[in-house]
Amino acid sequence: MSIKENAVVPPRLNFRWRVVDIVVASVLGVAVALIFVAFNLGWSGIKAPFEALLPGFQGLLEPVWYIGGVLGALVIRKPGAAIYVETVAALVSALVGNQWGGFSTIEAGLVQGLGAEIIFLLFAYRVWNLPVTLLAGATAGIFGAVNSIIFWSPGASWGFITVYVGAQIIGGALIAGLLVWFAVKSLAATGALNRFAVGRSLGVRV
């Protein structure tokens, strides 16, 4: 028997969205939006001590708004999942109403979802381990920080920008990356995600 005959052929990946993918991604988007709404309501009080400690340091907490992208990608594992879930969450948050306005919220969601999406794209939607998830969260932080600076702090000093972007990168890795990783792993262990690859592998491959 030849070496070729003995070779293990990896399963062919199917990147087509199923109806169940769309439904679950939409449900995830709405669920994340509820978290956004609660976070929006308390944001002024939550950020105050961080901002007082060091202007820009509040960026450490802002990646709570980026969890939809990483969550959607890890669960659905299809191209566009990060952008879709994050944008749905932003859209629902905008419809409920917040202090930033509808267009700004939706635009920010698109940008933040894109930040996470790019990382999974770079790994061809084949690698779903913790380092890639951390990188996706951190990159969402970079995209979110730059977007916020452009639209909300155009005249900010370099000192503020450095602290703010650095805090967003760290917060993105920890909140949108590490926290979401363990949340998905725990959810998959319950059997709730058995219809998806993430559930059949007990979460995310380590």
N, C-alpha and C. Protein backbone atom coordinates (compact mmCIF):
# COMPACT_ATOMS: atom_id res chain seq x y z
N MET A 1 0.85 -1.20 0.00
CA MET A 1 0.00 0.00 0.00
C MET A 1 0.88 1.24 0.00
N SER A 2 0.58 2.18 -0.83
CA SER A 2 1.42 3.38 -0.97
C SER A 2 1.20 4.35 0.19
N ILE A 3 2.16 5.25 0.34
CA ILE A 3 2.05 6.28 1.37
C ILE A 3 0.83 7.15 1.10
N LYS A 4 0.56 7.40 -0.18
CA LYS A 4 -0.58 8.23 -0.56
C LYS A 4 -1.89 7.59 -0.11
N GLU A 5 -1.96 6.24 -0.21
CA GLU A 5 -3.18 5.56 0.18
C GLU A 5 -3.38 5.58 1.68
N ASN A 6 -2.27 5.65 2.42
CA ASN A 6 -2.33 5.67 3.88
C ASN A 6 -2.57 7.08 4.43
N ALA A 7 -2.43 8.07 3.59
CA ALA A 7 -2.52 9.46 4.07
C ALA A 7 -3.92 9.75 4.59
N VAL A 8 -3.97 10.55 5.65
CA VAL A 8 -5.24 10.98 6.22
C VAL A 8 -5.68 12.24 5.51
N VAL A 9 -6.82 12.20 4.88
CA VAL A 9 -7.33 13.36 4.15
C VAL A 9 -8.19 14.19 5.09
N PRO A 10 -7.83 15.45 5.34
CA PRO A 10 -8.63 16.29 6.24
C PRO A 10 -10.02 16.51 5.67
N PRO A 11 -11.02 16.61 6.54
CA PRO A 11 -12.38 16.82 6.05
C PRO A 11 -12.50 18.14 5.31
N ARG A 12 -13.30 18.12 4.25
CA ARG A 12 -13.50 19.33 3.47
C ARG A 12 -14.38 20.30 4.25
N LEU A 13 -13.93 21.54 4.31
CA LEU A 13 -14.68 22.54 5.06
C LEU A 13 -15.83 23.08 4.22
N ASN A 14 -16.96 23.25 4.85
CA ASN A 14 -18.14 23.80 4.19
C ASN A 14 -18.41 25.18 4.75
N PHE A 15 -18.17 26.20 3.94
CA PHE A 15 -18.34 27.57 4.40
C PHE A 15 -19.71 28.14 4.05
N ARG A 16 -20.59 27.33 3.49
CA ARG A 16 -21.93 27.83 3.17
C ARG A 16 -22.76 27.94 4.44
N TRP A 17 -23.48 29.05 4.53
CA TRP A 17 -24.34 29.26 5.69
C TRP A 17 -25.61 28.42 5.57
N ARG A 18 -25.95 27.72 6.63
CA ARG A 18 -27.21 26.99 6.71
C ARG A 18 -28.26 27.90 7.37
N VAL A 19 -29.51 27.47 7.26
CA VAL A 19 -30.58 28.24 7.92
C VAL A 19 -30.31 28.31 9.42
N VAL A 20 -29.87 27.20 10.00
CA VAL A 20 -29.61 27.17 11.44
C VAL A 20 -28.48 28.12 11.81
N ASP A 21 -27.51 28.30 10.91
CA ASP A 21 -26.42 29.24 11.17
C ASP A 21 -26.97 30.67 11.27
N ILE A 22 -27.85 31.01 10.33
CA ILE A 22 -28.43 32.36 10.32
C ILE A 22 -29.27 32.59 11.56
N VAL A 23 -30.07 31.60 11.92
CA VAL A 23 -30.95 31.73 13.08
C VAL A 23 -30.14 31.89 14.36
N VAL A 24 -29.17 31.01 14.55
CA VAL A 24 -28.37 31.05 15.78
C VAL A 24 -27.53 32.32 15.83
N ALA A 25 -26.95 32.73 14.71
CA ALA A 25 -26.16 33.96 14.68
C ALA A 25 -27.03 35.16 15.03
N SER A 26 -28.27 35.16 14.55
CA SER A 26 -29.19 36.26 14.86
C SER A 26 -29.56 36.27 16.34
N VAL A 27 -29.79 35.08 16.89
CA VAL A 27 -30.11 34.98 18.33
C VAL A 27 -28.93 35.45 19.16
N LEU A 28 -27.72 35.06 18.75
CA LEU A 28 -26.53 35.51 19.46
C LEU A 28 -26.42 37.03 19.40
N GLY A 29 -26.71 37.60 18.24
CA GLY A 29 -26.64 39.05 18.09
C GLY A 29 -27.60 39.77 19.02
N VAL A 30 -28.81 39.26 19.13
CA VAL A 30 -29.81 39.87 20.02
C VAL A 30 -29.39 39.70 21.48
N ALA A 31 -28.89 38.52 21.83
CA ALA A 31 -28.45 38.28 23.21
C ALA A 31 -27.31 39.21 23.60
N VAL A 32 -26.37 39.38 22.68
CA VAL A 32 -25.25 40.29 22.94
C VAL A 32 -25.75 41.73 23.04
N ALA A 33 -26.75 42.07 22.24
CA ALA A 33 -27.31 43.42 22.29
C ALA A 33 -27.87 43.74 23.66
N LEU A 34 -28.47 42.76 24.32
CA LEU A 34 -29.00 42.98 25.67
C LEU A 34 -27.87 43.31 26.64
N ILE A 35 -26.73 42.67 26.45
CA ILE A 35 -25.56 42.99 27.27
C ILE A 35 -25.12 44.42 26.98
N PHE A 36 -25.12 44.77 25.70
CA PHE A 36 -24.74 46.13 25.30
C PHE A 36 -25.65 47.17 25.95
N VAL A 37 -26.95 46.91 25.92
CA VAL A 37 -27.92 47.87 26.47
C VAL A 37 -27.66 48.11 27.95
N ALA A 38 -27.43 47.02 28.69
CA ALA A 38 -27.15 47.16 30.12
C ALA A 38 -25.84 47.91 30.35
N PHE A 39 -24.84 47.59 29.53
CA PHE A 39 -23.53 48.24 29.66
C PHE A 39 -23.63 49.72 29.30
N ASN A 40 -24.42 50.02 28.27
CA ASN A 40 -24.61 51.42 27.87
C ASN A 40 -25.18 52.25 29.01
N LEU A 41 -26.17 51.68 29.70
CA LEU A 41 -26.84 52.41 30.78
C LEU A 41 -25.89 52.75 31.92
N GLY A 42 -24.95 51.87 32.19
CA GLY A 42 -24.04 52.11 33.31
C GLY A 42 -22.69 52.66 32.91
N TRP A 43 -22.51 52.95 31.61
CA TRP A 43 -21.18 53.29 31.12
C TRP A 43 -20.57 54.52 31.79
N SER A 44 -21.34 55.57 31.97
CA SER A 44 -20.78 56.80 32.57
C SER A 44 -20.18 56.53 33.95
N GLY A 45 -20.89 55.78 34.76
CA GLY A 45 -20.38 55.46 36.09
C GLY A 45 -19.26 54.45 36.06
N ILE A 46 -19.32 53.50 35.13
CA ILE A 46 -18.30 52.45 35.04
C ILE A 46 -16.95 53.02 34.63
N LYS A 47 -16.97 53.92 33.65
CA LYS A 47 -15.70 54.43 33.11
C LYS A 47 -15.06 55.50 33.99
N ALA A 48 -15.85 56.16 34.83
CA ALA A 48 -15.36 57.32 35.58
C ALA A 48 -14.08 57.07 36.37
N PRO A 49 -14.00 56.01 37.22
CA PRO A 49 -12.76 55.81 37.97
C PRO A 49 -11.56 55.48 37.10
N PHE A 50 -11.77 54.80 36.00
CA PHE A 50 -10.67 54.46 35.09
C PHE A 50 -10.17 55.71 34.38
N GLU A 51 -11.11 56.54 33.94
CA GLU A 51 -10.76 57.77 33.25
C GLU A 51 -10.07 58.74 34.20
N ALA A 52 -10.49 58.74 35.47
CA ALA A 52 -9.87 59.62 36.45
C ALA A 52 -8.46 59.16 36.79
N LEU A 53 -8.26 57.86 36.79
CA LEU A 53 -6.94 57.30 37.08
C LEU A 53 -5.94 57.68 36.02
N LEU A 54 -6.36 57.56 34.75
CA LEU A 54 -5.49 57.90 33.63
C LEU A 54 -6.36 58.08 32.38
N PRO A 55 -6.42 59.29 31.84
CA PRO A 55 -7.24 59.51 30.65
C PRO A 55 -6.88 58.53 29.53
N GLY A 56 -7.88 57.86 29.02
CA GLY A 56 -7.66 56.85 28.00
C GLY A 56 -7.72 55.44 28.53
N PHE A 57 -7.57 55.31 29.87
CA PHE A 57 -7.54 53.98 30.48
C PHE A 57 -8.91 53.31 30.47
N GLN A 58 -9.95 54.12 30.25
CA GLN A 58 -11.29 53.55 30.16
C GLN A 58 -11.42 52.60 28.96
N GLY A 59 -10.47 52.71 28.05
CA GLY A 59 -10.45 51.82 26.90
C GLY A 59 -10.28 50.36 27.28
N LEU A 60 -9.83 50.11 28.48
CA LEU A 60 -9.66 48.74 28.96
C LEU A 60 -11.00 48.01 29.04
N LEU A 61 -12.08 48.77 29.28
CA LEU A 61 -13.40 48.18 29.46
C LEU A 61 -14.26 48.18 28.19
N GLU A 62 -13.93 49.01 27.24
CA GLU A 62 -14.75 49.16 26.05
C GLU A 62 -14.89 47.89 25.21
N PRO A 63 -13.94 46.97 25.26
CA PRO A 63 -14.12 45.73 24.49
C PRO A 63 -15.31 44.86 24.90
N VAL A 64 -16.02 45.25 25.95
CA VAL A 64 -17.30 44.57 26.21
C VAL A 64 -18.18 44.71 24.97
N TRP A 65 -18.02 45.82 24.24
CA TRP A 65 -18.81 46.06 23.03
C TRP A 65 -18.32 45.26 21.83
N TYR A 66 -17.21 44.51 22.01
CA TYR A 66 -16.65 43.78 20.87
C TYR A 66 -16.88 42.27 20.97
N ILE A 67 -17.56 41.84 22.03
CA ILE A 67 -17.67 40.40 22.26
C ILE A 67 -18.50 39.69 21.18
N GLY A 68 -19.41 40.40 20.53
CA GLY A 68 -20.27 39.78 19.53
C GLY A 68 -19.50 39.19 18.37
N GLY A 69 -18.50 39.91 17.89
CA GLY A 69 -17.73 39.45 16.75
C GLY A 69 -17.00 38.16 17.01
N VAL A 70 -16.27 38.11 18.10
CA VAL A 70 -15.50 36.90 18.43
C VAL A 70 -16.44 35.75 18.76
N LEU A 71 -17.50 36.04 19.50
CA LEU A 71 -18.48 35.01 19.85
C LEU A 71 -19.10 34.40 18.59
N GLY A 72 -19.54 35.24 17.69
CA GLY A 72 -20.16 34.75 16.47
C GLY A 72 -19.22 33.89 15.64
N ALA A 73 -17.98 34.32 15.53
CA ALA A 73 -17.00 33.56 14.75
C ALA A 73 -16.73 32.20 15.36
N LEU A 74 -16.55 32.15 16.68
CA LEU A 74 -16.23 30.89 17.34
C LEU A 74 -17.37 29.88 17.26
N VAL A 75 -18.60 30.36 17.32
CA VAL A 75 -19.75 29.45 17.30
C VAL A 75 -20.10 29.03 15.88
N ILE A 76 -20.21 29.96 14.97
CA ILE A 76 -20.67 29.68 13.60
C ILE A 76 -19.55 29.13 12.73
N ARG A 77 -18.35 29.67 12.87
CA ARG A 77 -17.18 29.23 12.11
C ARG A 77 -17.39 29.31 10.60
N LYS A 78 -17.99 30.37 10.17
CA LYS A 78 -18.22 30.61 8.74
C LYS A 78 -17.79 32.04 8.41
N PRO A 79 -17.34 32.28 7.18
CA PRO A 79 -16.96 33.65 6.79
C PRO A 79 -18.11 34.62 7.02
N GLY A 80 -17.79 35.76 7.61
CA GLY A 80 -18.78 36.81 7.84
C GLY A 80 -19.49 36.72 9.18
N ALA A 81 -19.27 35.64 9.94
CA ALA A 81 -19.99 35.46 11.20
C ALA A 81 -19.66 36.55 12.21
N ALA A 82 -18.40 36.93 12.29
CA ALA A 82 -18.00 37.96 13.26
C ALA A 82 -18.68 39.29 12.93
N ILE A 83 -18.65 39.68 11.66
CA ILE A 83 -19.27 40.93 11.26
C ILE A 83 -20.78 40.86 11.46
N TYR A 84 -21.39 39.73 11.10
CA TYR A 84 -22.83 39.60 11.18
C TYR A 84 -23.33 39.73 12.62
N VAL A 85 -22.78 38.96 13.54
CA VAL A 85 -23.26 38.97 14.92
C VAL A 85 -23.00 40.33 15.58
N GLU A 86 -21.83 40.89 15.37
CA GLU A 86 -21.51 42.18 15.97
C GLU A 86 -22.42 43.28 15.42
N THR A 87 -22.71 43.22 14.13
CA THR A 87 -23.57 44.24 13.52
C THR A 87 -25.02 44.09 13.97
N VAL A 88 -25.50 42.86 14.06
CA VAL A 88 -26.86 42.64 14.56
C VAL A 88 -26.99 43.18 15.99
N ALA A 89 -25.98 42.90 16.81
CA ALA A 89 -26.00 43.40 18.19
C ALA A 89 -26.01 44.92 18.22
N ALA A 90 -25.20 45.54 17.36
CA ALA A 90 -25.15 47.00 17.30
C ALA A 90 -26.48 47.57 16.80
N LEU A 91 -27.07 46.91 15.81
CA LEU A 91 -28.34 47.37 15.25
C LEU A 91 -29.45 47.33 16.30
N VAL A 92 -29.53 46.23 17.03
CA VAL A 92 -30.56 46.12 18.07
C VAL A 92 -30.32 47.16 19.16
N SER A 93 -29.05 47.34 19.53
CA SER A 93 -28.70 48.35 20.54
C SER A 93 -29.12 49.75 20.07
N ALA A 94 -28.92 50.01 18.77
CA ALA A 94 -29.30 51.32 18.22
C ALA A 94 -30.81 51.49 18.22
N LEU A 95 -31.54 50.43 17.90
CA LEU A 95 -32.99 50.50 17.87
C LEU A 95 -33.57 50.74 19.27
N VAL A 96 -32.95 50.11 20.27
CA VAL A 96 -33.38 50.32 21.66
C VAL A 96 -33.11 51.77 22.07
N GLY A 97 -31.98 52.29 21.58
CA GLY A 97 -31.61 53.66 21.90
C GLY A 97 -30.44 53.74 22.85
N ASN A 98 -29.52 54.64 22.58
CA ASN A 98 -28.38 54.86 23.47
C ASN A 98 -27.89 56.30 23.31
N GLN A 99 -26.84 56.64 24.03
CA GLN A 99 -26.36 58.01 24.06
C GLN A 99 -25.50 58.41 22.87
N TRP A 100 -25.23 57.47 21.95
CA TRP A 100 -24.34 57.77 20.83
C TRP A 100 -25.06 57.93 19.50
N GLY A 101 -26.29 57.53 19.43
CA GLY A 101 -27.04 57.67 18.18
C GLY A 101 -26.99 56.40 17.34
N GLY A 102 -27.98 56.24 16.49
CA GLY A 102 -28.12 55.03 15.72
C GLY A 102 -27.02 54.77 14.73
N PHE A 103 -26.73 55.76 13.87
CA PHE A 103 -25.71 55.55 12.84
C PHE A 103 -24.35 55.25 13.44
N SER A 104 -23.96 56.00 14.46
CA SER A 104 -22.65 55.81 15.09
C SER A 104 -22.53 54.41 15.68
N THR A 105 -23.60 53.93 16.28
CA THR A 105 -23.59 52.61 16.90
C THR A 105 -23.43 51.50 15.86
N ILE A 106 -24.20 51.61 14.78
CA ILE A 106 -24.15 50.58 13.74
C ILE A 106 -22.80 50.61 13.03
N GLU A 107 -22.30 51.80 12.73
CA GLU A 107 -20.99 51.93 12.08
C GLU A 107 -19.88 51.35 12.95
N ALA A 108 -19.96 51.62 14.24
CA ALA A 108 -18.96 51.08 15.16
C ALA A 108 -19.02 49.56 15.21
N GLY A 109 -20.23 49.01 15.20
CA GLY A 109 -20.38 47.56 15.20
C GLY A 109 -19.75 46.92 13.98
N LEU A 110 -19.96 47.51 12.82
CA LEU A 110 -19.36 47.00 11.59
C LEU A 110 -17.83 46.99 11.68
N VAL A 111 -17.28 48.08 12.17
CA VAL A 111 -15.82 48.21 12.27
C VAL A 111 -15.26 47.21 13.28
N GLN A 112 -15.89 47.11 14.43
CA GLN A 112 -15.41 46.19 15.46
C GLN A 112 -15.52 44.74 15.02
N GLY A 113 -16.62 44.40 14.34
CA GLY A 113 -16.77 43.06 13.82
C GLY A 113 -15.74 42.76 12.76
N LEU A 114 -15.42 43.75 11.93
CA LEU A 114 -14.41 43.58 10.89
C LEU A 114 -13.04 43.29 11.50
N GLY A 115 -12.74 43.95 12.62
CA GLY A 115 -11.45 43.73 13.27
C GLY A 115 -11.25 42.28 13.66
N ALA A 116 -12.29 41.66 14.23
CA ALA A 116 -12.21 40.25 14.60
C ALA A 116 -12.23 39.37 13.36
N GLU A 117 -13.07 39.70 12.40
CA GLU A 117 -13.23 38.89 11.18
C GLU A 117 -11.91 38.73 10.43
N ILE A 118 -11.15 39.80 10.35
CA ILE A 118 -9.90 39.77 9.59
C ILE A 118 -8.95 38.70 10.11
N ILE A 119 -8.89 38.54 11.43
CA ILE A 119 -7.96 37.56 12.00
C ILE A 119 -8.37 36.13 11.63
N PHE A 120 -9.64 35.82 11.75
CA PHE A 120 -10.09 34.48 11.38
C PHE A 120 -9.92 34.24 9.88
N LEU A 121 -10.08 35.29 9.08
CA LEU A 121 -9.85 35.20 7.65
C LEU A 121 -8.39 34.89 7.35
N LEU A 122 -7.49 35.56 8.06
CA LEU A 122 -6.05 35.33 7.85
C LEU A 122 -5.66 33.89 8.12
N PHE A 123 -6.39 33.24 9.01
CA PHE A 123 -6.13 31.82 9.30
C PHE A 123 -7.09 30.91 8.52
N ALA A 124 -7.69 31.49 7.46
CA ALA A 124 -8.53 30.75 6.51
C ALA A 124 -9.70 30.03 7.19
N TYR A 125 -10.16 30.55 8.31
CA TYR A 125 -11.28 29.96 9.06
C TYR A 125 -11.02 28.49 9.38
N ARG A 126 -9.77 28.18 9.68
CA ARG A 126 -9.39 26.80 10.01
C ARG A 126 -8.81 26.65 11.41
N VAL A 127 -8.37 27.74 11.99
CA VAL A 127 -7.72 27.68 13.31
C VAL A 127 -8.60 28.38 14.33
N TRP A 128 -9.00 27.62 15.36
CA TRP A 128 -9.93 28.16 16.35
C TRP A 128 -9.39 27.97 17.76
N ASN A 129 -8.10 28.19 17.92
CA ASN A 129 -7.50 27.98 19.24
C ASN A 129 -7.45 29.29 20.03
N LEU A 130 -6.96 29.19 21.26
CA LEU A 130 -6.94 30.35 22.15
C LEU A 130 -6.07 31.49 21.64
N PRO A 131 -4.84 31.23 21.15
CA PRO A 131 -4.02 32.35 20.66
C PRO A 131 -4.70 33.15 19.55
N VAL A 132 -5.35 32.47 18.61
CA VAL A 132 -6.04 33.17 17.52
C VAL A 132 -7.22 33.97 18.07
N THR A 133 -7.92 33.41 19.04
CA THR A 133 -9.05 34.11 19.66
C THR A 133 -8.57 35.37 20.38
N LEU A 134 -7.47 35.27 21.11
CA LEU A 134 -6.91 36.44 21.78
C LEU A 134 -6.51 37.50 20.76
N LEU A 135 -5.92 37.06 19.66
CA LEU A 135 -5.50 38.00 18.62
C LEU A 135 -6.70 38.67 17.98
N ALA A 136 -7.78 37.92 17.78
CA ALA A 136 -9.00 38.49 17.21
C ALA A 136 -9.58 39.55 18.14
N GLY A 137 -9.60 39.26 19.43
CA GLY A 137 -10.10 40.23 20.40
C GLY A 137 -9.24 41.48 20.44
N ALA A 138 -7.93 41.30 20.41
CA ALA A 138 -7.01 42.44 20.45
C ALA A 138 -7.15 43.29 19.19
N THR A 139 -7.32 42.64 18.05
CA THR A 139 -7.46 43.39 16.79
C THR A 139 -8.79 44.13 16.73
N ALA A 140 -9.84 43.53 17.27
CA ALA A 140 -11.10 44.25 17.38
C ALA A 140 -10.90 45.49 18.24
N GLY A 141 -10.06 45.37 19.28
CA GLY A 141 -9.74 46.52 20.12
C GLY A 141 -9.04 47.62 19.36
N ILE A 142 -8.12 47.24 18.49
CA ILE A 142 -7.41 48.24 17.67
C ILE A 142 -8.38 48.96 16.75
N PHE A 143 -9.21 48.18 16.05
CA PHE A 143 -10.17 48.78 15.13
C PHE A 143 -11.15 49.69 15.88
N GLY A 144 -11.63 49.20 17.03
CA GLY A 144 -12.57 49.99 17.81
C GLY A 144 -11.95 51.27 18.33
N ALA A 145 -10.69 51.19 18.78
CA ALA A 145 -10.00 52.36 19.32
C ALA A 145 -9.78 53.42 18.24
N VAL A 146 -9.28 52.99 17.09
CA VAL A 146 -9.02 53.94 16.00
C VAL A 146 -10.33 54.59 15.54
N ASN A 147 -11.37 53.79 15.44
CA ASN A 147 -12.68 54.32 15.03
C ASN A 147 -13.18 55.38 16.02
N SER A 148 -13.04 55.09 17.31
CA SER A 148 -13.50 56.03 18.35
C SER A 148 -12.68 57.31 18.33
N ILE A 149 -11.38 57.19 18.12
CA ILE A 149 -10.53 58.38 18.09
C ILE A 149 -10.90 59.27 16.92
N ILE A 150 -11.12 58.66 15.77
CA ILE A 150 -11.46 59.43 14.57
C ILE A 150 -12.77 60.20 14.74
N PHE A 151 -13.77 59.54 15.31
CA PHE A 151 -15.10 60.14 15.37
C PHE A 151 -15.38 60.90 16.68
N TRP A 152 -14.73 60.50 17.77
CA TRP A 152 -15.07 61.09 19.06
C TRP A 152 -13.94 61.88 19.71
N SER A 153 -12.69 61.63 19.31
CA SER A 153 -11.56 62.35 19.92
C SER A 153 -10.55 62.76 18.85
N PRO A 154 -11.00 63.49 17.83
CA PRO A 154 -10.09 63.81 16.71
C PRO A 154 -8.90 64.67 17.10
N GLY A 155 -9.01 65.42 18.17
CA GLY A 155 -7.90 66.29 18.56
C GLY A 155 -7.12 65.77 19.76
N ALA A 156 -7.24 64.49 20.04
CA ALA A 156 -6.61 63.91 21.22
C ALA A 156 -5.08 63.96 21.12
N SER A 157 -4.44 64.09 22.29
CA SER A 157 -2.98 64.12 22.34
C SER A 157 -2.43 62.72 22.08
N TRP A 158 -1.15 62.66 21.72
CA TRP A 158 -0.52 61.36 21.49
C TRP A 158 -0.44 60.55 22.77
N GLY A 159 -0.34 61.25 23.90
CA GLY A 159 -0.32 60.54 25.18
C GLY A 159 -1.63 59.81 25.42
N PHE A 160 -2.75 60.50 25.16
CA PHE A 160 -4.07 59.88 25.31
C PHE A 160 -4.23 58.72 24.33
N ILE A 161 -3.85 58.94 23.08
CA ILE A 161 -4.00 57.92 22.05
C ILE A 161 -3.21 56.66 22.42
N THR A 162 -1.99 56.85 22.91
CA THR A 162 -1.15 55.71 23.28
C THR A 162 -1.79 54.88 24.39
N VAL A 163 -2.25 55.57 25.43
CA VAL A 163 -2.88 54.87 26.55
C VAL A 163 -4.17 54.20 26.10
N TYR A 164 -4.96 54.93 25.33
CA TYR A 164 -6.28 54.44 24.91
C TYR A 164 -6.16 53.21 24.01
N VAL A 165 -5.31 53.27 23.02
CA VAL A 165 -5.14 52.14 22.11
C VAL A 165 -4.53 50.95 22.84
N GLY A 166 -3.54 51.21 23.69
CA GLY A 166 -2.93 50.13 24.46
C GLY A 166 -3.94 49.44 25.38
N ALA A 167 -4.77 50.25 26.03
CA ALA A 167 -5.80 49.70 26.92
C ALA A 167 -6.82 48.88 26.13
N GLN A 168 -7.16 49.35 24.94
CA GLN A 168 -8.13 48.64 24.11
C GLN A 168 -7.56 47.29 23.64
N ILE A 169 -6.29 47.27 23.32
CA ILE A 169 -5.67 46.01 22.88
C ILE A 169 -5.69 44.99 24.01
N ILE A 170 -5.30 45.43 25.21
CA ILE A 170 -5.29 44.52 26.37
C ILE A 170 -6.72 44.08 26.71
N GLY A 171 -7.62 45.06 26.78
CA GLY A 171 -9.02 44.73 27.08
C GLY A 171 -9.64 43.84 26.03
N GLY A 172 -9.30 44.09 24.76
CA GLY A 172 -9.82 43.27 23.69
C GLY A 172 -9.38 41.82 23.81
N ALA A 173 -8.10 41.63 24.13
CA ALA A 173 -7.58 40.26 24.29
C ALA A 173 -8.23 39.56 25.48
N LEU A 174 -8.43 40.29 26.59
CA LEU A 174 -8.95 39.67 27.81
C LEU A 174 -10.46 39.49 27.79
N ILE A 175 -11.18 40.52 27.35
CA ILE A 175 -12.65 40.48 27.41
C ILE A 175 -13.25 39.83 26.16
N ALA A 176 -12.92 40.40 24.98
CA ALA A 176 -13.47 39.86 23.74
C ALA A 176 -12.78 38.57 23.33
N GLY A 177 -11.59 38.33 23.86
CA GLY A 177 -10.86 37.12 23.53
C GLY A 177 -10.97 36.03 24.58
N LEU A 178 -10.27 36.21 25.68
CA LEU A 178 -10.20 35.17 26.72
C LEU A 178 -11.56 34.87 27.34
N LEU A 179 -12.29 35.89 27.73
CA LEU A 179 -13.59 35.70 28.37
C LEU A 179 -14.57 34.98 27.44
N VAL A 180 -14.61 35.42 26.19
CA VAL A 180 -15.51 34.79 25.22
C VAL A 180 -15.09 33.35 24.95
N TRP A 181 -13.80 33.11 24.87
CA TRP A 181 -13.28 31.74 24.67
C TRP A 181 -13.84 30.78 25.71
N PHE A 182 -13.71 31.17 26.99
CA PHE A 182 -14.18 30.29 28.06
C PHE A 182 -15.71 30.21 28.09
N ALA A 183 -16.39 31.29 27.71
CA ALA A 183 -17.84 31.27 27.66
C ALA A 183 -18.32 30.27 26.61
N VAL A 184 -17.70 30.29 25.44
CA VAL A 184 -18.08 29.37 24.36
C VAL A 184 -17.73 27.93 24.75
N LYS A 185 -16.60 27.75 25.36
CA LYS A 185 -16.17 26.41 25.78
C LYS A 185 -17.16 25.84 26.81
N SER A 186 -17.58 26.67 27.74
CA SER A 186 -18.54 26.23 28.75
C SER A 186 -19.90 25.93 28.13
N LEU A 187 -20.33 26.78 27.20
CA LEU A 187 -21.62 26.57 26.54
C LEU A 187 -21.60 25.30 25.71
N ALA A 188 -20.51 25.06 25.02
CA ALA A 188 -20.40 23.86 24.20
C ALA A 188 -20.42 22.59 25.05
N ALA A 189 -19.86 22.67 26.24
CA ALA A 189 -19.81 21.50 27.13
C ALA A 189 -21.19 21.08 27.59
N THR A 190 -22.16 22.00 27.52
CA THR A 190 -23.53 21.65 27.94
C THR A 190 -24.29 20.89 26.85
N GLY A 191 -23.74 20.87 25.64
CA GLY A 191 -24.41 20.20 24.53
C GLY A 191 -25.28 21.13 23.72
N ALA A 192 -25.34 22.39 24.10
CA ALA A 192 -26.21 23.35 23.41
C ALA A 192 -25.75 23.66 21.99
N LEU A 193 -24.49 23.37 21.70
CA LEU A 193 -23.94 23.71 20.38
C LEU A 193 -23.59 22.47 19.57
N ASN A 194 -24.26 21.36 19.85
CA ASN A 194 -23.91 20.10 19.19
C ASN A 194 -24.15 20.10 17.68
N ARG A 195 -24.98 21.01 17.19
CA ARG A 195 -25.24 21.08 15.75
C ARG A 195 -24.15 21.84 15.01
N PHE A 196 -23.16 22.31 15.78
CA PHE A 196 -22.07 23.07 15.18
C PHE A 196 -20.75 22.37 15.46
N ALA A 197 -19.75 22.69 14.65
CA ALA A 197 -18.43 22.08 14.83
C ALA A 197 -17.86 22.40 16.21
N VAL A 198 -18.16 23.60 16.68
CA VAL A 198 -17.64 24.00 17.99
C VAL A 198 -18.19 23.10 19.10
N GLY A 199 -19.43 22.65 18.96
CA GLY A 199 -20.02 21.77 19.95
C GLY A 199 -19.48 20.36 19.87
N ARG A 200 -19.27 19.88 18.67
CA ARG A 200 -18.77 18.52 18.49
C ARG A 200 -17.34 18.37 18.96
N SER A 201 -16.60 19.50 18.99
CA SER A 201 -15.22 19.44 19.46
C SER A 201 -15.10 19.90 20.90
N LEU A 202 -16.25 20.00 21.59
CA LEU A 202 -16.30 20.48 22.97
C LEU A 202 -15.70 21.86 23.08
N GLY A 203 -16.10 22.71 22.21
CA GLY A 203 -15.68 24.07 22.27
C GLY A 203 -14.65 24.35 21.25
N VAL A 204 -13.56 24.77 21.69
CA VAL A 204 -12.60 25.28 20.78
C VAL A 204 -11.39 24.37 20.89
N ARG A 205 -10.80 24.09 19.78
CA ARG A 205 -9.64 23.20 19.83
C ARG A 205 -8.51 23.87 20.57
N VAL A 206 -7.87 23.13 21.46
CA VAL A 206 -6.77 23.68 22.24
C VAL A 206 -5.45 23.30 21.60
